Protein backbone atom coordinates (compact mmCIF):
# COMPACT_ATOMS: atom_id res chain seq x y z
CA MET A 1 -206.91 14.75 81.17
CA SER A 2 -204.37 11.95 81.34
CA ALA A 3 -200.99 12.49 82.93
CA ALA A 4 -199.25 11.95 79.58
CA ARG A 5 -201.32 14.68 77.91
CA LEU A 6 -200.71 17.05 80.79
CA LEU A 7 -196.96 16.41 80.59
CA LEU A 8 -196.99 16.98 76.82
CA CYS A 9 -198.86 20.29 77.21
CA ALA A 10 -196.39 21.45 79.87
CA ALA A 11 -193.43 20.57 77.66
CA LEU A 12 -194.91 22.47 74.71
CA LEU A 13 -195.61 25.55 76.82
CA THR A 14 -192.09 25.46 78.25
CA GLY A 15 -190.66 25.44 74.72
CA CYS A 16 -192.75 28.49 73.81
CA ALA A 17 -191.54 30.38 76.87
CA THR A 18 -187.82 29.86 76.24
CA GLN A 19 -186.00 33.20 76.26
CA ASN A 20 -182.87 34.15 74.31
CA ALA A 21 -183.53 31.49 71.69
CA ALA A 22 -182.45 32.45 68.21
CA PRO A 23 -185.36 33.72 66.13
CA PRO A 24 -186.10 32.09 62.77
CA GLY A 25 -183.92 32.96 59.81
CA ALA A 26 -180.33 32.37 58.81
CA GLN A 27 -177.81 34.14 61.02
CA VAL A 28 -175.43 36.51 59.23
CA ALA A 29 -173.32 39.40 60.52
CA ALA A 30 -175.08 42.74 59.93
CA GLU A 31 -172.01 44.26 58.25
CA ARG A 32 -171.87 41.42 55.74
CA LEU A 33 -175.56 41.81 54.89
CA GLN A 34 -175.27 45.57 54.43
CA GLN A 35 -172.18 45.24 52.22
CA THR A 36 -173.56 42.44 50.05
CA VAL A 37 -177.25 43.25 49.56
CA VAL A 38 -177.80 46.17 47.15
CA PRO A 39 -181.39 47.07 46.17
CA GLY A 40 -181.83 47.07 42.40
CA GLN A 41 -178.71 44.94 41.87
CA THR A 42 -178.51 41.86 44.11
CA SER A 43 -180.37 38.82 42.78
CA LYS A 44 -182.13 36.04 44.62
CA ALA A 45 -179.48 33.62 43.31
CA GLN A 46 -176.71 35.82 44.76
CA LEU A 47 -178.47 35.88 48.15
CA LEU A 48 -178.70 32.09 48.17
CA ALA A 49 -175.04 31.75 47.15
CA ALA A 50 -173.82 34.22 49.79
CA PHE A 51 -176.02 33.35 52.77
CA GLY A 52 -177.95 30.16 51.99
CA PRO A 53 -181.68 29.63 52.45
CA THR A 54 -183.59 31.45 55.16
CA LYS A 55 -187.12 32.01 56.37
CA ASN A 56 -189.20 33.54 53.59
CA VAL A 57 -192.73 34.48 52.63
CA ARG A 58 -194.00 34.37 49.04
CA PHE A 59 -196.88 36.62 48.04
CA ASP A 60 -199.42 36.06 45.26
CA SER A 61 -198.03 39.16 43.53
CA GLY A 62 -194.71 37.38 42.96
CA PHE A 63 -192.83 39.37 45.62
CA GLU A 64 -190.93 37.54 48.36
CA ALA A 65 -189.73 38.67 51.79
CA TRP A 66 -186.63 36.96 53.16
CA VAL A 67 -185.59 37.34 56.80
CA TYR A 68 -182.02 37.15 58.08
CA GLN A 69 -180.94 37.49 61.71
CA SER A 70 -177.81 39.29 62.93
CA PRO A 71 -176.49 38.50 66.42
CA THR A 72 -176.09 41.68 68.47
CA GLY A 73 -173.57 40.29 70.98
CA ASP A 74 -175.87 40.63 73.98
CA GLY A 75 -177.92 37.51 73.22
CA GLY A 76 -180.32 39.40 70.96
CA PHE A 77 -180.81 39.38 67.22
CA ALA A 78 -181.47 42.24 64.81
CA GLU A 79 -183.69 41.44 61.84
CA PHE A 80 -182.70 42.17 58.23
CA VAL A 81 -185.65 41.85 55.82
CA VAL A 82 -185.09 41.68 52.07
CA LEU A 83 -187.97 42.32 49.64
CA ILE A 84 -187.41 40.55 46.33
CA ASP A 85 -189.42 41.61 43.27
CA PRO A 86 -191.06 39.13 40.87
CA SER A 87 -188.03 39.27 38.54
CA GLY A 88 -185.78 37.99 41.36
CA ILE A 89 -183.97 41.25 42.17
CA VAL A 90 -183.81 42.87 45.62
CA ALA A 91 -186.26 45.78 45.69
CA LYS A 92 -185.81 47.00 49.30
CA THR A 93 -184.20 46.11 52.60
CA ARG A 94 -185.12 46.97 56.15
CA THR A 95 -183.26 46.49 59.42
CA ARG A 96 -185.11 46.18 62.70
CA ALA A 97 -183.33 46.43 66.02
CA PRO A 98 -183.79 43.60 68.50
CA ALA A 99 -186.68 43.76 70.92
CA PRO A 100 -185.68 44.86 74.43
CA ALA A 101 -184.97 42.04 76.87
CA ARG A 102 -187.83 41.13 79.17
């Protein structure tokens, strides 16, 4: 293996091992998410207007899952997942606490 390839592999592995990096998804305060996102009422357009685009997954069924991150103040991030139904309305939300520090 050439030295350049070895250096590239090392750089890639170092990037993967970085701790305390922000996880994917737009960062929004947890209180703001909980006050703004109402299952059965909030639309996809309202989410985009309030928080902007974020990491999302679209399913063949027409449902979408959008992920927002909320800083916890200790370098961690809680995860706020929004399930959007095929008509574009929030069906459910779920909050997941940050993973414990390693």
